[in-house]
Amino acid sequence: MFRLSNNLVGILNFIIFLLSIPILWAGIWLRNKGTSDCEKFLDTPVIVLGVFLLVVSLAGLIGACCGVSWLLWMYLVVMFLLIVLLFCFTIVTFVVTNKGAGKVLSDKGYKEYKLGDYSNWLQKRVTSEKNWRKIKSCLIDSKICSDFQQRFLNDSLTVLYTRHLSALQAGCCKPPDGCGFTYQNPTTWVKTATNATSDPDCNSWDNQQNVLCFNCNSCKAGLLDNLRRDWKKVAVINIIFLVFLIIVYSIGCCAFRNNRSENAYFSGWKHT
């Protein structure tokens, strides 16, 4: 007779099986209906995740409920590897996001972001021309600066300085304050001969809506600040998920032991 652990493993994996279906469907939808490269970029990881959850949950479900020991053994091996990978990923996430923060500016509602303040590993991800070209395309497609322009269009420079801008708005949609450009509107600034500065971001700025400061180091730094905060949240979620996986793995080990006991019992019964 199956014990409680087998039933628990079966129930948990049935829930995971149900969750894998909408995840897989979302990946297929993105591949077929995605309107931009940014959306389609996510389709393969989502499909892989959906298929992985589907296969693993079926292995755990059949192994626990039907007493198939070899399937449950494979399920436990995959779960163990997943726990190890998730643990390593969580540690790496905390390490690479431990460094970096925006600099508070006097009498400003937003912060200043410098690329050199973040970990070298993160910097390499955005200083790669190939990577940044894709990231920049996604930022432009997201219309973050178009929304910035419309929202603060009627602001004077003094009022704009008091706004609590996001890291991406402050880094990508306006030139650095040190450039000293003449303000026209949130995304239009006039360069003059007296604006000479050593900051390369000042030369990268352009009033065209698809350029602005998307080529600036401040924009890359703003993205990394966003990424750093998001990854810290993901790391916390990973810890919770890790605890859940360890509990499921422990229950699965009990179910595997039950299967072996059941098989040994019936094997011995047949020989009597």
C-alpha atoms as a PDB file:
ATOM      1  CA  MET A   1       0.000   0.000   0.000  1.00  0.00           C
ATOM      2  CA  PHE A   2       1.326   3.432  -0.906  1.00  0.00           C
ATOM      3  CA  ARG A   3       2.212   5.719   1.960  1.00  0.00           C
ATOM      4  CA  LEU A   4       1.487   9.408   2.481  1.00  0.00           C
ATOM      5  CA  SER A   5       4.782  10.555   0.886  1.00  0.00           C
ATOM      6  CA  ASN A   6       3.833   8.944  -2.451  1.00  0.00           C
ATOM      7  CA  ASN A   7       0.507  10.745  -2.461  1.00  0.00           C
ATOM      8  CA  LEU A   8       2.147  14.071  -1.581  1.00  0.00           C
ATOM      9  CA  VAL A   9       4.701  13.715  -4.377  1.00  0.00           C
ATOM     10  CA  GLY A  10       1.890  12.835  -6.768  1.00  0.00           C
ATOM     11  CA  ILE A  11      -0.210  15.847  -5.755  1.00  0.00           C
ATOM     12  CA  LEU A  12       2.712  18.300  -5.917  1.00  0.00           C
ATOM     13  CA  ASN A  13       3.795  17.071  -9.337  1.00  0.00           C
ATOM     14  CA  PHE A  14       0.249  17.166 -10.650  1.00  0.00           C
ATOM     15  CA  ILE A  15       0.119  20.859  -9.665  1.00  0.00           C
ATOM     16  CA  ILE A  16       3.475  21.451 -11.397  1.00  0.00           C
ATOM     17  CA  PHE A  17       2.153  19.589 -14.460  1.00  0.00           C
ATOM     18  CA  LEU A  18      -0.865  21.926 -14.602  1.00  0.00           C
ATOM     19  CA  LEU A  19       1.424  24.984 -14.256  1.00  0.00           C
ATOM     20  CA  SER A  20       3.702  23.778 -17.067  1.00  0.00           C
ATOM     21  CA  ILE A  21       0.865  23.864 -19.622  1.00  0.00           C
ATOM     22  CA  PRO A  22       0.256  27.671 -19.585  1.00  0.00           C
ATOM     23  CA  ILE A  23       4.042  28.266 -19.468  1.00  0.00           C
ATOM     24  CA  LEU A  24       4.540  26.112 -22.565  1.00  0.00           C
ATOM     25  CA  TRP A  25       1.574  27.773 -24.275  1.00  0.00           C
ATOM     26  CA  ALA A  26       3.019  31.238 -23.504  1.00  0.00           C
ATOM     27  CA  GLY A  27       6.339  30.287 -25.103  1.00  0.00           C
ATOM     28  CA  ILE A  28       4.643  28.991 -28.241  1.00  0.00           C
ATOM     29  CA  TRP A  29       2.466  32.128 -28.392  1.00  0.00           C
ATOM     30  CA  LEU A  30       5.545  34.378 -28.130  1.00  0.00           C
ATOM     31  CA  ARG A  31       7.258  32.490 -30.941  1.00  0.00           C
ATOM     32  CA  ASN A  32       4.269  32.767 -33.283  1.00  0.00           C
ATOM     33  CA  LYS A  33       2.703  36.076 -32.232  1.00  0.00           C
ATOM     34  CA  GLY A  34       5.589  38.127 -30.835  1.00  0.00           C
ATOM     35  CA  THR A  35       5.685  41.555 -32.448  1.00  0.00           C
ATOM     36  CA  SER A  36       9.328  42.409 -31.716  1.00  0.00           C
ATOM     37  CA  ASP A  37      12.707  40.736 -31.327  1.00  0.00           C
ATOM     38  CA  CYS A  38      12.541  41.530 -27.609  1.00  0.00           C
ATOM     39  CA  GLU A  39       9.403  39.461 -27.157  1.00  0.00           C
ATOM     40  CA  LYS A  40      10.646  36.653 -29.384  1.00  0.00           C
ATOM     41  CA  PHE A  41      13.938  36.583 -27.464  1.00  0.00           C
ATOM     42  CA  LEU A  42      12.033  35.047 -24.547  1.00  0.00           C
ATOM     43  CA  ASP A  43      10.231  32.319 -26.479  1.00  0.00           C
ATOM     44  CA  THR A  44      12.953  29.649 -26.414  1.00  0.00           C
ATOM     45  CA  PRO A  45      13.721  29.905 -22.648  1.00  0.00           C
ATOM     46  CA  VAL A  46       9.985  29.842 -21.834  1.00  0.00           C
ATOM     47  CA  ILE A  47       9.362  26.815 -24.074  1.00  0.00           C
ATOM     48  CA  VAL A  48      12.366  24.982 -22.597  1.00  0.00           C
ATOM     49  CA  LEU A  49      11.140  25.744 -19.072  1.00  0.00           C
ATOM     50  CA  GLY A  50       7.628  24.540 -19.934  1.00  0.00           C
ATOM     51  CA  VAL A  51       8.855  21.271 -21.490  1.00  0.00           C
ATOM     52  CA  PHE A  52      11.260  20.688 -18.579  1.00  0.00           C
ATOM     53  CA  LEU A  53       8.524  21.139 -15.958  1.00  0.00           C
ATOM     54  CA  LEU A  54       6.141  18.975 -17.999  1.00  0.00           C
ATOM     55  CA  VAL A  55       8.580  16.060 -18.324  1.00  0.00           C
ATOM     56  CA  VAL A  56       9.879  16.215 -14.743  1.00  0.00           C
ATOM     57  CA  SER A  57       6.393  16.494 -13.231  1.00  0.00           C
ATOM     58  CA  LEU A  58       5.174  13.506 -15.285  1.00  0.00           C
ATOM     59  CA  ALA A  59       8.180  11.465 -14.163  1.00  0.00           C
ATOM     60  CA  GLY A  60       7.499  12.314 -10.522  1.00  0.00           C
ATOM     61  CA  LEU A  61       3.756  11.753 -10.875  1.00  0.00           C
ATOM     62  CA  ILE A  62       4.034   8.352 -12.580  1.00  0.00           C
ATOM     63  CA  GLY A  63       6.957   7.258 -10.442  1.00  0.00           C
ATOM     64  CA  ALA A  64       5.187   8.038  -7.167  1.00  0.00           C
ATOM     65  CA  CYS A  65       1.620   7.014  -8.012  1.00  0.00           C
ATOM     66  CA  CYS A  66       2.338   3.975 -10.187  1.00  0.00           C
ATOM     67  CA  GLY A  67       5.279   2.656  -8.188  1.00  0.00           C
ATOM     68  CA  VAL A  68       7.777   2.968 -11.077  1.00  0.00           C
ATOM     69  CA  SER A  69      11.027   3.154  -9.097  1.00  0.00           C
ATOM     70  CA  TRP A  70      13.370   3.915 -12.010  1.00  0.00           C
ATOM     71  CA  LEU A  71      11.272   6.920 -13.061  1.00  0.00           C
ATOM     72  CA  LEU A  72      11.210   8.210  -9.498  1.00  0.00           C
ATOM     73  CA  TRP A  73      14.972   7.687  -9.266  1.00  0.00           C
ATOM     74  CA  MET A  74      15.511   9.770 -12.434  1.00  0.00           C
ATOM     75  CA  TYR A  75      13.149  12.390 -11.014  1.00  0.00           C
ATOM     76  CA  LEU A  76      15.200  12.611  -7.804  1.00  0.00           C
ATOM     77  CA  VAL A  77      18.475  12.903  -9.737  1.00  0.00           C
ATOM     78  CA  VAL A  78      17.079  15.799 -11.803  1.00  0.00           C
ATOM     79  CA  MET A  79      15.677  17.440  -8.656  1.00  0.00           C
ATOM     80  CA  PHE A  80      19.057  17.161  -6.928  1.00  0.00           C
ATOM     81  CA  LEU A  81      20.862  18.752  -9.886  1.00  0.00           C
ATOM     82  CA  LEU A  82      18.225  21.496 -10.012  1.00  0.00           C
ATOM     83  CA  ILE A  83      18.718  22.228  -6.306  1.00  0.00           C
ATOM     84  CA  VAL A  84      22.507  22.468  -6.770  1.00  0.00           C
ATOM     85  CA  LEU A  85      22.179  24.733  -9.849  1.00  0.00           C
ATOM     86  CA  LEU A  86      19.625  26.974  -8.159  1.00  0.00           C
ATOM     87  CA  PHE A  87      21.803  27.259  -5.052  1.00  0.00           C
ATOM     88  CA  CYS A  88      24.854  28.223  -7.152  1.00  0.00           C
ATOM     89  CA  PHE A  89      22.812  30.709  -9.202  1.00  0.00           C
ATOM     90  CA  THR A  90      21.486  32.349  -6.029  1.00  0.00           C
ATOM     91  CA  ILE A  91      25.000  32.735  -4.598  1.00  0.00           C
ATOM     92  CA  VAL A  92      26.307  34.210  -7.866  1.00  0.00           C
ATOM     93  CA  THR A  93      23.325  36.587  -8.022  1.00  0.00           C
ATOM     94  CA  PHE A  94      24.067  37.982  -4.564  1.00  0.00           C
ATOM     95  CA  VAL A  95      27.776  38.342  -5.408  1.00  0.00           C
ATOM     96  CA  VAL A  96      27.372  40.206  -8.721  1.00  0.00           C
ATOM     97  CA  THR A  97      24.600  42.489  -7.425  1.00  0.00           C
ATOM     98  CA  ASN A  98      26.304  43.380  -4.156  1.00  0.00           C
ATOM     99  CA  LYS A  99      28.186  46.294  -5.720  1.00  0.00           C
ATOM    100  CA  GLY A 100      26.693  49.439  -7.212  1.00  0.00           C
ATOM    101  CA  ALA A 101      24.119  52.097  -6.391  1.00  0.00           C
ATOM    102  CA  GLY A 102      22.979  55.426  -7.760  1.00  0.00           C
ATOM    103  CA  LYS A 103      24.608  58.587  -6.414  1.00  0.00           C
ATOM    104  CA  VAL A 104      22.257  61.028  -4.687  1.00  0.00           C
ATOM    105  CA  LEU A 105      22.395  64.497  -6.258  1.00  0.00           C
ATOM    106  CA  SER A 106      21.879  67.680  -4.276  1.00  0.00           C
ATOM    107  CA  ASP A 107      18.432  69.257  -4.854  1.00  0.00           C
ATOM    108  CA  LYS A 108      17.507  66.540  -7.374  1.00  0.00           C
ATOM    109  CA  GLY A 109      14.678  64.039  -7.150  1.00  0.00           C
ATOM    110  CA  TYR A 110      16.675  61.420  -9.064  1.00  0.00           C
ATOM    111  CA  LYS A 111      20.099  59.824  -8.808  1.00  0.00           C
ATOM    112  CA  GLU A 112      23.150  59.737 -11.046  1.00  0.00           C
ATOM    113  CA  TYR A 113      24.384  56.379 -12.304  1.00  0.00           C
ATOM    114  CA  LYS A 114      28.011  55.553 -13.159  1.00  0.00           C
ATOM    115  CA  LEU A 115      28.948  52.380 -15.042  1.00  0.00           C
ATOM    116  CA  GLY A 116      32.147  51.892 -13.022  1.00  0.00           C
ATOM    117  CA  ASP A 117      30.169  51.541  -9.777  1.00  0.00           C
ATOM    118  CA  TYR A 118      28.869  48.077 -10.737  1.00  0.00           C
ATOM    119  CA  SER A 119      30.532  44.675 -10.745  1.00  0.00           C
ATOM    120  CA  ASN A 120      32.951  43.905 -13.571  1.00  0.00           C
ATOM    121  CA  TRP A 121      30.864  40.896 -14.613  1.00  0.00           C
ATOM    122  CA  LEU A 122      27.769  43.053 -15.108  1.00  0.00           C
ATOM    123  CA  GLN A 123      29.768  45.760 -16.871  1.00  0.00           C
ATOM    124  CA  LYS A 124      31.053  43.258 -19.428  1.00  0.00           C
ATOM    125  CA  ARG A 125      27.491  42.229 -20.266  1.00  0.00           C
ATOM    126  CA  VAL A 126      26.539  45.772 -21.359  1.00  0.00           C
ATOM    127  CA  THR A 127      29.863  46.970 -22.801  1.00  0.00           C
ATOM    128  CA  SER A 128      29.710  44.181 -25.384  1.00  0.00           C
ATOM    129  CA  GLU A 129      28.578  45.896 -28.594  1.00  0.00           C
ATOM    130  CA  LYS A 130      26.582  42.842 -29.683  1.00  0.00           C
ATOM    131  CA  ASN A 131      24.725  42.602 -26.356  1.00  0.00           C
ATOM    132  CA  TRP A 132      24.066  46.310 -26.071  1.00  0.00           C
ATOM    133  CA  ARG A 133      22.672  46.532 -29.594  1.00  0.00           C
ATOM    134  CA  LYS A 134      19.951  44.050 -28.638  1.00  0.00           C
ATOM    135  CA  ILE A 135      19.335  45.659 -25.246  1.00  0.00           C
ATOM    136  CA  LYS A 136      19.116  49.137 -26.786  1.00  0.00           C
ATOM    137  CA  SER A 137      16.593  47.887 -29.332  1.00  0.00           C
ATOM    138  CA  CYS A 138      14.447  46.528 -26.511  1.00  0.00           C
ATOM    139  CA  LEU A 139      14.684  49.781 -24.552  1.00  0.00           C
ATOM    140  CA  ILE A 140      13.595  51.768 -27.599  1.00  0.00           C
ATOM    141  CA  ASP A 141      10.739  49.334 -28.293  1.00  0.00           C
ATOM    142  CA  SER A 142       9.562  49.684 -24.696  1.00  0.00           C
ATOM    143  CA  LYS A 143       8.970  53.431 -25.378  1.00  0.00           C
ATOM    144  CA  ILE A 144      10.305  54.310 -21.946  1.00  0.00           C
ATOM    145  CA  CYS A 145      11.586  57.679 -23.181  1.00  0.00           C
ATOM    146  CA  SER A 146       8.444  58.418 -25.186  1.00  0.00           C
ATOM    147  CA  ASP A 147       6.430  57.984 -21.998  1.00  0.00           C
ATOM    148  CA  PHE A 148       8.979  60.127 -20.143  1.00  0.00           C
ATOM    149  CA  GLN A 149       8.583  62.881 -22.757  1.00  0.00           C
ATOM    150  CA  GLN A 150       4.775  62.862 -22.643  1.00  0.00           C
ATOM    151  CA  ARG A 151       4.547  62.696 -18.874  1.00  0.00           C
ATOM    152  CA  PHE A 152       6.859  65.624 -18.148  1.00  0.00           C
ATOM    153  CA  LEU A 153       6.404  67.648 -21.365  1.00  0.00           C
ATOM    154  CA  ASN A 154       5.065  70.765 -19.606  1.00  0.00           C
ATOM    155  CA  ASP A 155       7.705  70.769 -16.865  1.00  0.00           C
ATOM    156  CA  SER A 156      10.223  73.552 -16.549  1.00  0.00           C
ATOM    157  CA  LEU A 157      13.820  72.506 -15.885  1.00  0.00           C
ATOM    158  CA  THR A 158      13.416  73.362 -12.188  1.00  0.00           C
ATOM    159  CA  VAL A 159      10.351  71.139 -11.913  1.00  0.00           C
ATOM    160  CA  LEU A 160      12.002  68.319 -13.890  1.00  0.00           C
ATOM    161  CA  TYR A 161      14.892  68.345 -11.427  1.00  0.00           C
ATOM    162  CA  THR A 162      12.472  67.568  -8.608  1.00  0.00           C
ATOM    163  CA  ARG A 163      10.943  64.540 -10.328  1.00  0.00           C
ATOM    164  CA  HIS A 164      11.627  61.057  -8.971  1.00  0.00           C
ATOM    165  CA  LEU A 165      12.897  59.503 -12.181  1.00  0.00           C
ATOM    166  CA  SER A 166      13.620  55.811 -12.611  1.00  0.00           C
ATOM    167  CA  ALA A 167      17.198  54.683 -13.241  1.00  0.00           C
ATOM    168  CA  LEU A 168      16.444  54.166 -16.939  1.00  0.00           C
ATOM    169  CA  GLN A 169      14.716  57.538 -17.314  1.00  0.00           C
ATOM    170  CA  ALA A 170      17.569  59.382 -15.608  1.00  0.00           C
ATOM    171  CA  GLY A 171      20.269  57.492 -17.496  1.00  0.00           C
ATOM    172  CA  CYS A 172      18.789  57.008 -20.972  1.00  0.00           C
ATOM    173  CA  CYS A 173      16.211  59.742 -21.605  1.00  0.00           C
ATOM    174  CA  LYS A 174      18.145  62.878 -20.603  1.00  0.00           C
ATOM    175  CA  PRO A 175      21.783  63.949 -20.836  1.00  0.00           C
ATOM    176  CA  PRO A 176      23.932  63.888 -17.681  1.00  0.00           C
ATOM    177  CA  ASP A 177      23.533  67.052 -15.603  1.00  0.00           C
ATOM    178  CA  GLY A 178      27.251  67.792 -15.969  1.00  0.00           C
ATOM    179  CA  CYS A 179      26.886  68.388 -19.712  1.00  0.00           C
ATOM    180  CA  GLY A 180      25.232  71.758 -19.067  1.00  0.00           C
ATOM    181  CA  PHE A 181      22.969  71.587 -22.130  1.00  0.00           C
ATOM    182  CA  THR A 182      20.182  74.127 -22.590  1.00  0.00           C
ATOM    183  CA  TYR A 183      16.794  72.639 -21.717  1.00  0.00           C
ATOM    184  CA  GLN A 184      13.973  72.754 -24.264  1.00  0.00           C
ATOM    185  CA  ASN A 185      11.794  69.853 -23.125  1.00  0.00           C
ATOM    186  CA  PRO A 186      12.479  66.536 -21.343  1.00  0.00           C
ATOM    187  CA  THR A 187      14.069  64.885 -24.397  1.00  0.00           C
ATOM    188  CA  THR A 188      15.305  67.935 -26.314  1.00  0.00           C
ATOM    189  CA  TRP A 189      18.471  69.709 -25.125  1.00  0.00           C
ATOM    190  CA  VAL A 190      20.611  72.197 -27.062  1.00  0.00           C
ATOM    191  CA  LYS A 191      24.386  71.772 -27.242  1.00  0.00           C
ATOM    192  CA  THR A 192      26.504  74.914 -27.468  1.00  0.00           C
ATOM    193  CA  ALA A 193      30.202  75.602 -27.883  1.00  0.00           C
ATOM    194  CA  THR A 194      30.473  76.383 -24.153  1.00  0.00           C
ATOM    195  CA  ASN A 195      29.308  72.865 -23.250  1.00  0.00           C
ATOM    196  CA  ALA A 196      32.743  71.285 -23.782  1.00  0.00           C
ATOM    197  CA  THR A 197      33.252  68.476 -21.259  1.00  0.00           C
ATOM    198  CA  SER A 198      35.353  65.354 -20.849  1.00  0.00           C
ATOM    199  CA  ASP A 199      32.285  63.185 -20.253  1.00  0.00           C
ATOM    200  CA  PRO A 200      31.846  61.018 -23.396  1.00  0.00           C
ATOM    201  CA  ASP A 201      28.121  60.759 -22.657  1.00  0.00           C
ATOM    202  CA  CYS A 202      27.730  64.415 -23.615  1.00  0.00           C
ATOM    203  CA  ASN A 203      29.001  63.649 -27.117  1.00  0.00           C
ATOM    204  CA  SER A 204      26.793  60.547 -27.319  1.00  0.00           C
ATOM    205  CA  TRP A 205      23.614  62.528 -26.638  1.00  0.00           C
ATOM    206  CA  ASP A 206      21.323  63.220 -29.599  1.00  0.00           C
ATOM    207  CA  ASN A 207      17.813  64.703 -29.664  1.00  0.00           C
ATOM    208  CA  GLN A 208      16.527  62.011 -32.044  1.00  0.00           C
ATOM    209  CA  GLN A 209      14.008  59.868 -30.160  1.00  0.00           C
ATOM    210  CA  ASN A 210      15.692  56.630 -31.194  1.00  0.00           C
ATOM    211  CA  VAL A 211      19.123  57.865 -30.057  1.00  0.00           C
ATOM    212  CA  LEU A 212      18.866  60.225 -27.016  1.00  0.00           C
ATOM    213  CA  CYS A 213      21.310  58.781 -24.472  1.00  0.00           C
ATOM    214  CA  PHE A 214      20.837  55.115 -25.394  1.00  0.00           C
ATOM    215  CA  ASN A 215      24.523  54.972 -26.341  1.00  0.00           C
ATOM    216  CA  CYS A 216      25.610  56.574 -23.056  1.00  0.00           C
ATOM    217  CA  ASN A 217      27.396  54.848 -20.188  1.00  0.00           C
ATOM    218  CA  SER A 218      24.808  56.423 -17.890  1.00  0.00           C
ATOM    219  CA  CYS A 219      22.085  54.488 -19.732  1.00  0.00           C
ATOM    220  CA  LYS A 220      24.037  51.237 -19.331  1.00  0.00           C
ATOM    221  CA  ALA A 221      24.522  52.036 -15.650  1.00  0.00           C
ATOM    222  CA  GLY A 222      20.801  52.770 -15.259  1.00  0.00           C
ATOM    223  CA  LEU A 223      19.993  49.405 -16.796  1.00  0.00           C
ATOM    224  CA  LEU A 224      22.439  47.673 -14.428  1.00  0.00           C
ATOM    225  CA  ASP A 225      20.863  49.416 -11.435  1.00  0.00           C
ATOM    226  CA  ASN A 226      17.454  48.151 -12.542  1.00  0.00           C
ATOM    227  CA  LEU A 227      18.924  44.706 -13.128  1.00  0.00           C
ATOM    228  CA  ARG A 228      20.671  44.708  -9.757  1.00  0.00           C
ATOM    229  CA  ARG A 229      17.451  45.473  -7.855  1.00  0.00           C
ATOM    230  CA  ASP A 230      15.419  42.961  -9.886  1.00  0.00           C
ATOM    231  CA  TRP A 231      18.004  40.224  -9.409  1.00  0.00           C
ATOM    232  CA  LYS A 232      18.017  40.769  -5.654  1.00  0.00           C
ATOM    233  CA  LYS A 233      14.255  40.186  -5.672  1.00  0.00           C
ATOM    234  CA  VAL A 234      14.745  37.090  -7.826  1.00  0.00           C
ATOM    235  CA  ALA A 235      17.394  35.821  -5.401  1.00  0.00           C
ATOM    236  CA  VAL A 236      14.940  36.093  -2.492  1.00  0.00           C
ATOM    237  CA  ILE A 237      12.318  34.209  -4.524  1.00  0.00           C
ATOM    238  CA  ASN A 238      14.980  31.618  -5.388  1.00  0.00           C
ATOM    239  CA  ILE A 239      15.666  31.012  -1.707  1.00  0.00           C
ATOM    240  CA  ILE A 240      11.960  30.376  -1.063  1.00  0.00           C
ATOM    241  CA  PHE A 241      11.768  28.111  -4.119  1.00  0.00           C
ATOM    242  CA  LEU A 242      14.946  26.330  -2.994  1.00  0.00           C
ATOM    243  CA  VAL A 243      13.397  25.519   0.379  1.00  0.00           C
ATOM    244  CA  PHE A 244      10.300  24.219  -1.432  1.00  0.00           C
ATOM    245  CA  LEU A 245      12.432  22.015  -3.720  1.00  0.00           C
ATOM    246  CA  ILE A 246      14.358  20.586  -0.772  1.00  0.00           C
ATOM    247  CA  ILE A 247      11.085  19.685   0.934  1.00  0.00           C
ATOM    248  CA  VAL A 248       9.735  18.057  -2.249  1.00  0.00           C
ATOM    249  CA  TYR A 249      13.061  16.242  -2.747  1.00  0.00           C
ATOM    250  CA  SER A 250      12.942  14.909   0.822  1.00  0.00           C
ATOM    251  CA  ILE A 251       9.373  13.675   0.335  1.00  0.00           C
ATOM    252  CA  GLY A 252      10.426  12.152  -2.994  1.00  0.00           C
ATOM    253  CA  CYS A 253      13.231  10.229  -1.258  1.00  0.00           C
ATOM    254  CA  CYS A 254      10.658   8.803   1.153  1.00  0.00           C
ATOM    255  CA  ALA A 255       8.426   7.846  -1.778  1.00  0.00           C
ATOM    256  CA  PHE A 256      11.375   6.155  -3.526  1.00  0.00           C
ATOM    257  CA  ARG A 257      12.117   4.167  -0.376  1.00  0.00           C
ATOM    258  CA  ASN A 258       8.439   3.212  -0.190  1.00  0.00           C
ATOM    259  CA  ASN A 259       8.513   1.985  -3.794  1.00  0.00           C
ATOM    260  CA  ARG A 260      11.546  -0.178  -3.110  1.00  0.00           C
ATOM    261  CA  SER A 261       9.913  -1.581   0.027  1.00  0.00           C
ATOM    262  CA  GLU A 262       6.716  -2.323  -1.895  1.00  0.00           C
ATOM    263  CA  ASN A 263       8.634  -3.977  -4.715  1.00  0.00           C
ATOM    264  CA  ALA A 264      10.682  -6.040  -2.268  1.00  0.00           C
ATOM    265  CA  TYR A 265       7.506  -7.067  -0.421  1.00  0.00           C
ATOM    266  CA  PHE A 266       5.698  -8.227  -3.576  1.00  0.00           C
ATOM    267  CA  SER A 267       8.853  -9.905  -4.886  1.00  0.00           C
ATOM    268  CA  GLY A 268       9.194 -11.840  -1.624  1.00  0.00           C
ATOM    269  CA  TRP A 269       5.461 -12.643  -1.621  1.00  0.00           C
ATOM    270  CA  LYS A 270       5.651 -14.125  -5.102  1.00  0.00           C
ATOM    271  CA  HIS A 271       8.482 -16.438  -4.085  1.00  0.00           C
ATOM    272  CA  THR A 272       6.630 -17.824  -1.053  1.00  0.00           C
END
